[in-house]
Protein backbone atom coordinates (compact mmCIF):
# COMPACT_ATOMS: atom_id res chain seq x y z
CA MET A 1 193.74 103.16 127.06
CA SER A 2 191.31 100.33 127.80
CA ASP A 3 189.46 98.36 125.24
CA ASP A 4 186.27 99.73 126.51
CA ASP A 5 187.30 103.18 125.17
CA TRP A 6 187.18 101.79 121.52
CA GLU A 7 184.10 101.77 119.38
CA GLN A 8 183.97 99.14 116.66
CA ILE A 9 182.97 100.60 113.21
CA HIS A 10 182.51 99.45 109.65
CA TYR A 11 185.10 100.07 106.86
CA HIS A 12 182.82 102.64 105.17
CA GLN A 13 182.91 104.79 108.47
CA LEU A 14 186.65 105.17 108.11
CA PRO A 15 187.74 108.73 106.82
CA ASN A 16 189.45 108.69 103.40
CA TRP A 17 192.93 109.09 104.89
CA MET A 18 192.42 105.94 106.82
CA LYS A 19 191.12 104.05 103.87
CA LYS A 20 194.22 104.99 101.85
CA ILE A 21 196.85 103.95 104.46
CA ALA A 22 195.08 101.06 106.09
CA PRO A 23 193.11 99.31 103.26
CA GLN A 24 191.10 96.23 103.96
CA GLY A 25 193.14 94.08 101.78
CA GLN A 26 196.65 94.29 103.07
CA ARG A 27 198.52 91.01 102.74
CA ILE A 28 199.58 89.83 106.19
CA ASP A 29 201.12 86.61 107.58
CA LYS A 30 200.30 87.12 111.26
CA THR A 31 197.74 88.41 113.69
CA HIS A 32 198.49 91.97 114.83
CA THR A 33 197.02 95.36 115.60
CA LYS A 34 197.93 98.84 114.24
CA ILE A 35 196.89 102.14 115.76
CA PHE A 36 196.72 105.42 113.88
CA SER A 37 196.49 108.93 115.36
CA GLY A 38 194.17 111.48 113.82
CA LYS A 39 191.53 114.00 114.64
CA PRO A 40 188.81 113.87 115.84
CA TYR A 41 189.40 110.10 116.27
CA ASP A 42 192.25 107.80 116.68
CA TYR A 43 191.81 104.40 114.85
CA LYS A 44 192.76 100.86 115.62
CA VAL A 45 192.96 98.07 112.88
CA GLN A 46 193.07 94.53 114.00
CA TYR A 47 194.26 91.93 111.41
CA ILE A 48 193.43 88.29 112.44
CA MET A 49 194.79 85.31 110.50
CA GLN A 50 192.71 82.11 110.59
CA LYS A 51 194.13 79.52 108.17
CA ASP A 52 194.04 81.32 104.77
CA ILE A 53 191.29 83.82 105.64
CA VAL A 54 192.05 87.32 106.87
CA SER A 55 189.55 88.92 109.13
CA ILE A 56 189.98 92.65 109.68
CA SER A 57 188.08 94.84 112.16
CA TYR A 58 188.18 98.58 112.58
CA TRP A 59 187.83 100.63 115.88
CA ARG A 60 187.92 104.29 116.83
CA THR A 61 188.17 106.33 119.86
CA PRO A 62 188.09 110.22 120.51
CA HIS A 63 191.50 111.58 119.91
CA SER A 64 193.43 112.38 123.11
CA ALA A 65 195.97 115.08 122.25
CA THR A 66 199.40 114.31 123.59
CA PRO A 67 201.45 117.40 124.45
CA LEU A 68 204.62 117.79 122.52
CA LYS A 69 207.70 116.96 124.47
CA ILE A 70 210.08 119.82 125.05
CA PRO A 71 213.39 118.79 123.38
CA ASN A 72 216.18 118.06 125.90
CA PRO A 73 219.06 120.54 125.35
CA ARG A 74 221.60 117.86 125.85
CA LEU A 75 219.93 115.76 123.17
CA ILE A 76 219.95 118.79 120.78
CA ALA A 77 223.61 119.23 121.42
CA VAL A 78 224.26 115.57 120.66
CA LEU A 79 222.22 115.82 117.46
CA ILE A 80 224.20 118.92 116.41
CA PHE A 81 227.47 117.06 117.13
CA ILE A 82 226.29 114.01 115.20
CA PHE A 83 225.36 116.21 112.24
CA VAL A 84 228.62 118.21 112.28
CA ALA A 85 230.54 115.01 112.63
CA GLY A 86 229.09 113.82 109.28
CA ILE A 87 226.83 110.98 110.58
CA SER A 88 224.46 110.14 107.78
CA TYR A 89 221.43 112.39 107.60
CA VAL A 90 219.16 109.32 107.03
CA LEU A 91 219.31 108.63 110.85
CA LEU A 92 217.51 111.96 111.63
CA PRO A 93 214.04 110.68 110.53
CA GLN A 94 214.46 107.69 112.86
CA LEU A 95 215.50 109.92 115.83
CA LEU A 96 212.92 112.70 115.49
CA PRO A 97 209.95 110.66 116.73
CA PHE A 98 211.91 110.01 119.99
CA ILE A 99 212.69 113.75 120.38
CA VAL A 100 209.40 115.43 119.31
CA GLY A 101 206.96 112.72 120.24
CA PRO A 102 203.77 111.63 118.33
CA LEU A 103 202.32 114.17 115.88
CA ASP A 104 198.64 115.14 116.12
CA THR A 105 198.24 115.14 112.27
CA PRO A 106 197.06 112.11 110.35
CA PRO A 107 199.93 110.05 108.88
CA SER A 108 200.71 110.77 105.23
CA LEU A 109 200.75 108.26 102.45
CA THR A 110 204.47 108.62 102.05
CA ASN A 111 205.12 107.50 105.59
CA ALA A 112 202.82 104.46 105.61
CA SER A 113 205.61 102.24 107.00
CA GLU A 114 203.15 99.79 108.28
CA ILE A 115 202.34 98.80 104.69
CA HIS A 116 205.99 98.25 103.92
CA GLU A 117 206.30 96.06 106.96
CA MET A 118 203.73 93.65 105.43
CA GLY A 119 205.61 93.41 102.19
CA LYS A 120 203.32 95.89 100.21
CA THR A 121 204.21 99.08 98.52
CA PRO A 122 202.60 102.29 99.72
CA VAL A 123 199.13 102.97 98.48
CA GLN A 124 199.07 105.27 95.54
CA THR A 125 196.32 107.76 95.17
CA GLU A 126 195.97 106.89 91.34
CA ASN A 127 194.82 103.51 92.51
CA LEU A 128 191.92 104.82 94.37
CA THR A 129 188.62 106.46 93.36
CA PRO A 130 187.70 109.80 94.96
CA ASP A 131 185.79 108.06 97.67
CA GLY A 132 188.72 105.84 98.59
CA LYS A 133 187.74 102.63 96.79
CA PRO A 134 190.10 100.58 94.65
CA VAL A 135 190.22 101.11 90.96
CA PRO A 136 189.50 97.89 88.96
CA GLY A 137 192.76 96.35 87.89
CA THR A 138 194.80 97.30 90.90
CA ASP A 139 195.97 94.94 93.63
CA PHE A 140 193.29 95.26 96.26
CA GLN A 141 191.24 92.15 95.83
CA LEU A 142 191.70 91.18 99.57
CA ASP A 143 189.67 94.31 100.48
CA PHE A 144 186.60 92.37 99.56
CA GLN A 145 187.14 89.29 101.83
CA LEU A 146 185.19 90.70 104.74
CA SER A 147 182.26 88.87 106.29
CA PRO A 148 182.72 85.50 104.64
CA LYS A 149 179.66 83.13 104.60
CA THR A 150 179.48 79.64 103.06
CA SER A 151 176.06 78.90 101.46
CA SER A 152 174.62 75.69 99.90
CA TYR A 153 172.99 76.29 96.53
CA SER A 154 170.53 73.54 95.65
CA TYR A 155 169.63 72.39 92.21
CA ILE A 156 167.84 69.38 90.42
CA ILE A 157 169.56 67.31 87.86
CA GLU A 158 168.27 63.92 86.48
CA ASN A 159 165.42 63.95 89.14
CA ASN A 160 167.97 64.21 91.99
CA ARG A 161 168.53 67.13 94.33
CA LYS A 162 172.13 68.13 94.85
CA PHE A 163 174.03 71.04 96.37
CA ILE A 164 176.97 73.22 95.71
CA SER A 165 178.79 74.76 98.67
CA PHE A 166 180.36 78.10 97.95
CA THR A 167 181.74 80.95 100.06
CA VAL A 168 180.81 84.51 99.30
CA TYR A 169 181.98 87.68 100.96
CA GLY A 170 179.97 90.65 102.44
CA GLY A 171 182.95 92.96 101.60
CA LEU A 172 182.64 92.35 97.92
CA SER A 173 178.71 92.48 97.93
CA ASP A 174 178.98 95.79 99.75
CA TYR A 175 181.38 97.11 97.13
CA PHE A 176 178.88 96.27 94.36
CA SER A 177 176.07 97.86 96.31
CA ASP A 178 178.14 101.10 96.67
CA VAL A 179 178.88 101.05 92.91
CA ARG A 180 175.28 100.77 92.07
CA ARG A 181 174.29 103.68 94.26
CA SER A 182 177.07 105.91 93.00
CA SER A 183 176.77 105.01 89.24
CA PRO A 184 174.94 107.42 86.93
CA SER A 185 171.85 106.07 85.20
CA GLY A 186 172.15 105.25 81.59
CA PRO A 187 170.77 103.05 78.76
CA GLU A 188 169.65 99.63 80.01
CA LYS A 189 171.98 97.85 77.68
CA ASP A 190 175.07 99.85 79.15
CA VAL A 191 173.93 99.09 82.66
CA ILE A 192 173.59 95.40 81.95
CA SER A 193 176.94 95.37 80.24
CA ASP A 194 178.50 96.88 83.42
CA ILE A 195 176.75 94.43 85.66
CA LEU A 196 177.77 91.33 83.73
CA GLY A 197 181.25 92.53 82.78
CA ASN A 198 182.99 93.34 86.12
CA ASP A 199 186.52 91.95 86.56
CA TYR A 200 186.20 91.48 90.35
CA GLN A 201 182.97 89.55 89.91
CA ASP A 202 184.60 87.33 87.25
CA GLU A 203 187.50 86.56 89.59
CA TYR A 204 185.34 85.71 92.61
CA LEU A 205 182.66 83.78 90.78
CA GLN A 206 185.07 81.71 88.61
CA PRO A 207 185.40 78.99 91.30
CA PHE A 208 181.61 78.66 91.29
CA ILE A 209 181.54 78.27 87.51
CA GLU A 210 184.32 75.56 87.83
CA SER A 211 182.30 73.81 90.42
CA ILE A 212 179.33 73.65 88.14
CA ARG A 213 181.49 72.23 85.36
CA SER A 214 182.86 69.59 87.63
CA ARG A 215 179.44 68.19 88.26
CA SER A 216 179.12 66.62 84.79
CA GLN A 217 180.98 65.92 81.60
CA ASN A 218 178.05 67.09 79.58
CA SER A 219 178.07 70.83 78.69
CA ASP A 220 174.27 70.95 78.47
CA ASP A 221 174.12 69.60 82.16
CA HIS A 222 176.31 72.64 83.06
CA ALA A 223 173.68 75.00 81.68
CA LYS A 224 170.69 73.17 83.36
CA ILE A 225 172.55 73.05 86.67
CA ALA A 226 173.16 76.77 86.50
CA ILE A 227 169.56 77.47 85.63
CA SER A 228 168.32 75.28 88.42
CA VAL A 229 170.51 76.91 90.93
CA VAL A 230 169.19 80.33 90.16
CA GLN A 231 165.64 79.08 90.13
CA HIS A 232 166.02 77.65 93.68
CA ILE A 233 167.40 81.03 95.10
CA PRO A 234 164.37 82.59 96.80
CA TYR A 235 162.38 85.07 94.83
CA ASN A 236 161.75 88.34 96.57
CA ARG A 237 158.30 89.05 95.50
CA ASN A 238 157.84 91.90 98.04
CA LYS A 239 160.58 93.89 96.44
CA PRO A 240 159.35 96.08 93.65
CA TYR A 241 160.73 95.68 90.20
CA ASN A 242 163.28 98.43 90.19
CA THR A 243 164.62 100.51 87.29
CA SER A 244 168.00 99.41 85.97
CA SER A 245 169.86 101.43 88.59
CA GLY A 246 168.59 99.21 91.31
CA TRP A 247 169.32 95.78 89.58
CA PHE A 248 171.75 93.60 91.69
CA TYR A 249 175.04 92.45 90.49
CA PRO A 250 175.02 88.60 90.18
CA TYR A 251 177.44 88.42 93.07
CA GLU A 252 175.06 90.53 95.24
CA THR A 253 172.15 88.13 94.50
CA MET A 254 174.38 85.12 95.49
CA PHE A 255 175.48 86.82 98.68
CA SER A 256 171.90 87.85 99.70
CA ASN A 257 170.46 84.59 98.51
CA GLY A 258 167.45 86.31 96.99
CA GLY A 259 166.30 88.83 94.44
CA THR A 260 163.71 90.08 92.01
CA SER A 261 163.07 88.61 88.67
CA ALA A 262 165.58 91.02 87.22
CA ASP A 263 168.27 90.19 89.76
CA LYS A 264 167.83 86.37 89.30
CA SER A 265 167.61 86.75 85.51
CA LEU A 266 170.88 88.69 85.39
CA LEU A 267 172.51 86.03 87.59
CA SER A 268 171.27 83.29 85.26
CA ALA A 269 172.39 85.20 82.13
CA TYR A 270 175.83 85.70 83.72
CA LEU A 271 176.31 81.97 84.50
CA LEU A 272 175.11 80.87 81.09
CA LYS A 273 177.39 83.55 79.41
CA GLU A 274 180.37 82.27 81.41
CA LEU A 275 179.51 78.65 80.38
CA GLY A 276 179.69 79.70 76.77
CA TYR A 277 176.03 79.81 75.78
CA ASP A 278 174.34 82.34 73.45
CA THR A 279 172.09 84.20 75.86
CA VAL A 280 169.52 86.98 75.87
CA LEU A 281 167.23 88.72 78.40
CA PHE A 282 163.50 88.96 77.76
CA GLU A 283 162.20 92.16 79.43
CA TYR A 284 158.63 92.92 80.11
CA PRO A 285 156.96 95.81 82.02
CA GLY A 286 157.79 94.82 85.55
CA HIS A 287 159.39 91.42 84.77
CA MET A 288 162.41 89.82 83.29
CA ALA A 289 163.27 86.29 82.06
CA VAL A 290 166.17 84.67 80.19
CA GLY A 291 166.58 83.08 76.77
CA VAL A 292 169.22 80.51 75.73
CA LYS A 293 169.88 79.61 72.11
CA CYS A 294 168.09 76.48 71.03
CA SER A 295 166.66 74.63 68.06
CA PRO A 296 163.92 76.71 66.19
CA ASP A 297 161.54 73.88 67.00
CA TYR A 298 161.55 74.85 70.70
CA ASP A 299 162.20 78.54 70.74
CA PHE A 300 160.00 81.33 72.19
CA TYR A 301 157.95 83.22 69.61
CA ASP A 302 160.41 82.69 66.76
CA THR A 303 163.21 84.47 68.73
CA GLY A 304 165.56 81.53 68.36
CA TYR A 305 165.87 81.33 72.12
CA ALA A 306 164.25 79.02 74.63
CA PHE A 307 162.31 80.67 77.41
CA ILE A 308 163.59 80.41 81.02
CA GLU A 309 161.56 81.58 83.98
CA THR A 310 163.92 82.38 86.84
CA THR A 311 161.67 83.30 89.70
CA GLU A 312 161.08 79.66 90.76
CA PRO A 313 161.74 76.06 89.61
CA THR A 314 160.06 75.99 86.19
CA ILE A 315 160.69 73.68 83.15
CA ILE A 316 162.98 75.26 80.53
CA THR A 317 160.60 76.43 77.55
CA TYR A 318 157.59 76.48 79.87
CA VAL A 319 155.97 79.97 79.48
CA PRO A 320 153.59 81.01 82.48
CA ASP A 321 150.31 82.22 81.33
CA THR A 322 150.67 85.15 83.74
CA TYR A 323 153.18 86.59 86.25
CA TYR A 324 152.57 87.52 89.80
CA GLY A 325 151.34 90.90 88.87
CA GLY A 326 148.76 89.34 86.52
CA ASP A 327 150.61 90.55 83.32
CA SER A 328 150.83 88.07 80.48
CA ALA A 329 154.15 86.74 79.15
CA SER A 330 152.85 86.14 75.68
CA ALA A 331 153.32 89.74 74.52
CA SER A 332 156.41 90.44 72.53
CA PRO A 333 159.23 91.31 75.04
CA GLN A 334 162.19 93.48 74.59
CA VAL A 335 165.09 91.19 73.69
CA ILE A 336 168.48 92.28 75.07
CA ARG A 337 171.43 90.34 73.66
CA ILE A 338 174.09 89.30 76.20
CA ASN A 339 176.82 87.60 73.95
CA GLU A 340 177.39 85.69 70.82
CA GLY A 341 178.09 82.48 72.51
CA LYS A 342 178.86 79.39 70.37
CA ARG A 343 176.93 76.76 72.44
CA VAL A 344 173.25 75.87 71.71
CA LEU A 345 171.26 74.13 74.46
CA ASP A 346 169.36 70.95 73.69
CA VAL A 347 165.87 71.46 75.23
CA SER A 348 163.87 68.82 73.42
CA SER A 349 163.17 66.81 76.53
CA GLU A 350 162.17 69.82 78.49
CA TYR A 351 159.93 71.01 75.68
CA ARG A 352 158.01 67.69 75.56
CA ASP A 353 157.50 67.85 79.45
CA ALA A 354 156.50 71.52 79.30
CA THR A 355 153.95 70.94 76.57
CA ARG A 356 152.36 67.97 78.38
CA LEU A 357 152.25 69.97 81.70
CA LYS A 358 150.38 72.73 79.93
CA GLN A 359 147.96 70.20 78.48
CA LEU A 360 147.35 68.70 81.96
CA GLU A 361 146.92 72.15 83.47
CA ARG A 362 144.28 73.19 80.89
CA THR A 363 142.03 70.14 81.19
CA GLY A 364 139.56 72.35 83.07
CA GLY A 365 138.61 69.68 85.55
CA VAL A 366 139.93 67.27 88.10
CA LEU A 367 142.62 65.05 86.84
CA ASP A 368 142.01 61.25 86.71
CA GLN A 369 144.34 58.94 88.39
CA SER A 370 146.51 58.43 85.24
CA GLN A 371 146.68 62.11 84.60
CA TYR A 372 147.50 62.95 88.20
CA THR A 373 150.24 60.35 88.18
CA GLU A 374 151.63 61.91 84.99
CA TRP A 375 151.44 65.48 86.50
CA LEU A 376 153.11 64.36 89.74
CA LYS A 377 156.02 62.67 87.85
CA ILE A 378 156.67 65.84 85.81
CA SER A 379 156.44 68.02 88.92
CA SER A 380 158.72 65.91 90.94
CA LYS A 381 161.27 65.68 87.97
CA TYR A 382 161.71 69.51 87.97
CA ASP A 383 160.99 70.22 91.65
CA LEU A 384 157.98 72.33 90.65
CA GLN A 385 156.55 74.43 93.59
């Protein structure tokens, strides 16, 4: 069969029996190809090792039935003789494929020898959801390492632009997308808890958290770097503000490098939570922002939390007069608590700059040279757009 006969497909197009015996995340140590027979298609799985990254591709072709071979009478006699002579019956399963030929039925889980060959135990059905996806806590993390891409996430700290290079995977992002679509709707607090409390997400984003920590010895710098990273991720203003069932997991937002105010706020809240800060979400009709614990002198409407706008680079504690839809941010929001972190962020410097920026914006006329220089200095310091 030539390569032209095979059609490349995505993992999600595999039938459930293929997902169970040829999962994306098999541990391998060499490049090789496996072919599985089934109806109405035969399937080919190619495993390619490139350094420490496993690339897996899937192919299918219409099944070509192979007639069963008529057993040779002499071979039957030999088998009977071997059996009568007391040869171990364990040889029979090894000889039958040579006598009968390939079967037309899909391979069963108990005969998934290819998995054994790679040092992995057979896939157990209790480790899979009904649609063939791994159950959290089972050993299938490599399923997610498809379509890797390395992105540079920019941030501003101490008036300097810097970058964090980080690799994210389309396989894991697709997994979260599927989870969102298949999850039943529920109270927002429960949805947020699920979005921010996923074990796979924790594992794959932990290196990014550590990269943030490595940029400074000051824990407050860690929070400000995380906030700036999210603010510099493009805001998707053309995407409507969805109900909670449409909110992205933080990992999805990082992979897509864009999101709504809810998507970006959830990512910011996740990073702050992982860095140990007491964090909340401020939700308005059609908009979401973040709050981080601070001194009462700088908090947002006596909530105890500093206001953080996530849609674009904005000074911490700066509250926009209106959002893109024209709605005001001054009305009392719904406050959704994320965690009881111990850390409190010092935002005194940001508060002074935000207050002065508001004053300059509300002069009602053209700024003089001194005011303009002051406005430009603040705008450059925080990369205001």
